[in-house]
């Protein structure tokens, strides 16, 4: 059961499929609560049991997988620091020239 309602909510706007919309309206009528309350309860339940996952093949899932692939085998031994990276690429020289050094 959800805790007492917070004194303030954050307004959200999102899209659902027509089937989800019909189900949400039906459950709202049957339970006598608002559609927003049903969404909050569903989110609370999903967060409580850790069942929130990205569907395989979602655009975000694909982007994250691609990013990991790009990073594989490209780790710098001993780490790096920003100044060292700039020095390696000649940025220090450019900054000195711009400063009149």
Protein backbone atom coordinates (compact mmCIF):
# COMPACT_ATOMS: atom_id res chain seq x y z
CA UNK A 1 0.00 0.00 0.00
CA UNK A 2 1.41 3.42 -0.93
CA UNK A 3 2.49 5.81 1.79
CA UNK A 4 0.43 8.89 2.49
CA UNK A 5 0.28 11.18 -0.55
CA UNK A 6 3.08 13.69 -0.86
CA UNK A 7 2.14 17.31 -0.40
CA UNK A 8 3.25 18.00 -3.96
CA UNK A 9 3.45 16.01 -7.19
CA UNK A 10 5.60 16.58 -10.27
CA UNK A 11 3.52 16.85 -13.42
CA UNK A 12 4.46 14.39 -16.17
CA UNK A 13 3.18 13.92 -19.68
CA UNK A 14 3.64 10.65 -21.54
CA UNK A 15 2.04 8.58 -24.28
CA UNK A 16 0.37 5.18 -24.03
CA UNK A 17 -1.00 2.82 -26.65
CA UNK A 18 -4.76 2.80 -27.31
CA UNK A 19 -4.96 -0.59 -25.55
CA UNK A 20 -3.17 0.81 -22.48
CA UNK A 21 -5.48 3.83 -22.50
CA UNK A 22 -8.60 1.63 -22.52
CA UNK A 23 -7.23 -0.55 -19.71
CA UNK A 24 -6.23 2.48 -17.65
CA UNK A 25 -9.69 4.01 -18.00
CA UNK A 26 -11.40 0.70 -17.15
CA UNK A 27 -9.25 0.07 -14.05
CA UNK A 28 -9.70 3.66 -12.94
CA UNK A 29 -13.49 3.29 -13.05
CA UNK A 30 -13.44 -0.15 -11.39
CA UNK A 31 -11.16 0.93 -8.54
CA UNK A 32 -12.56 4.43 -8.14
CA UNK A 33 -9.17 6.14 -8.39
CA UNK A 34 -7.68 8.50 -10.93
CA UNK A 35 -5.65 7.30 -13.88
CA UNK A 36 -2.68 9.21 -12.45
CA UNK A 37 -3.01 7.28 -9.17
CA UNK A 38 -2.95 3.98 -11.08
CA UNK A 39 0.22 5.02 -12.90
CA UNK A 40 1.84 6.04 -9.59
CA UNK A 41 0.88 2.70 -8.03
CA UNK A 42 2.24 0.75 -11.01
CA UNK A 43 5.50 2.71 -10.86
CA UNK A 44 5.79 2.16 -7.10
CA UNK A 45 5.24 -1.59 -7.56
CA UNK A 46 7.77 -1.85 -10.40
CA UNK A 47 10.38 0.10 -8.46
CA UNK A 48 9.80 -1.93 -5.28
CA UNK A 49 10.43 -5.30 -6.92
CA UNK A 50 13.16 -4.14 -9.31
CA UNK A 51 11.25 -5.25 -12.38
CA UNK A 52 11.95 -2.09 -14.38
CA UNK A 53 14.06 -3.13 -17.37
CA UNK A 54 14.56 -1.93 -20.91
CA UNK A 55 13.09 -4.19 -23.55
CA UNK A 56 15.78 -5.90 -25.59
CA UNK A 57 16.32 -4.03 -28.81
CA UNK A 58 14.99 -0.70 -27.57
CA UNK A 59 16.78 2.31 -29.12
CA UNK A 60 18.43 3.15 -25.80
CA UNK A 61 19.49 -0.48 -25.29
CA UNK A 62 21.03 -0.50 -28.78
CA UNK A 63 22.85 2.80 -28.15
CA UNK A 64 24.29 1.55 -24.86
CA UNK A 65 25.44 -1.71 -26.45
CA UNK A 66 27.08 0.18 -29.32
CA UNK A 67 28.82 2.54 -26.89
CA UNK A 68 30.19 -0.41 -24.91
CA UNK A 69 31.46 -2.02 -28.13
CA UNK A 70 33.25 1.19 -29.08
CA UNK A 71 34.96 1.29 -25.70
CA UNK A 72 36.09 -2.36 -25.70
CA UNK A 73 39.85 -2.59 -26.09
CA UNK A 74 40.31 1.18 -25.94
CA UNK A 75 41.27 1.61 -22.33
CA UNK A 76 44.38 3.64 -21.58
CA UNK A 77 46.93 1.90 -19.41
CA UNK A 78 47.65 3.89 -16.28
CA UNK A 79 44.67 6.14 -16.83
CA UNK A 80 44.76 9.67 -18.16
CA UNK A 81 44.27 13.24 -17.17
CA UNK A 82 42.83 16.11 -19.15
CA UNK A 83 46.05 18.15 -19.31
CA UNK A 84 48.00 15.13 -20.51
CA UNK A 85 45.44 14.53 -23.22
CA UNK A 86 45.63 18.17 -24.34
CA UNK A 87 49.44 18.00 -24.36
CA UNK A 88 49.39 14.82 -26.46
CA UNK A 89 47.15 16.49 -29.03
CA UNK A 90 49.01 19.81 -29.21
CA UNK A 91 46.34 21.87 -27.47
CA UNK A 92 48.84 23.27 -24.96
CA UNK A 93 50.85 24.75 -27.80
CA UNK A 94 47.68 26.29 -29.28
CA UNK A 95 46.71 27.77 -25.92
CA UNK A 96 50.22 29.18 -25.39
CA UNK A 97 50.19 30.73 -28.87
CA UNK A 98 46.79 32.32 -28.24
CA UNK A 99 47.99 33.72 -24.91
CA UNK A 100 51.08 35.23 -26.52
CA UNK A 101 53.52 33.02 -24.60
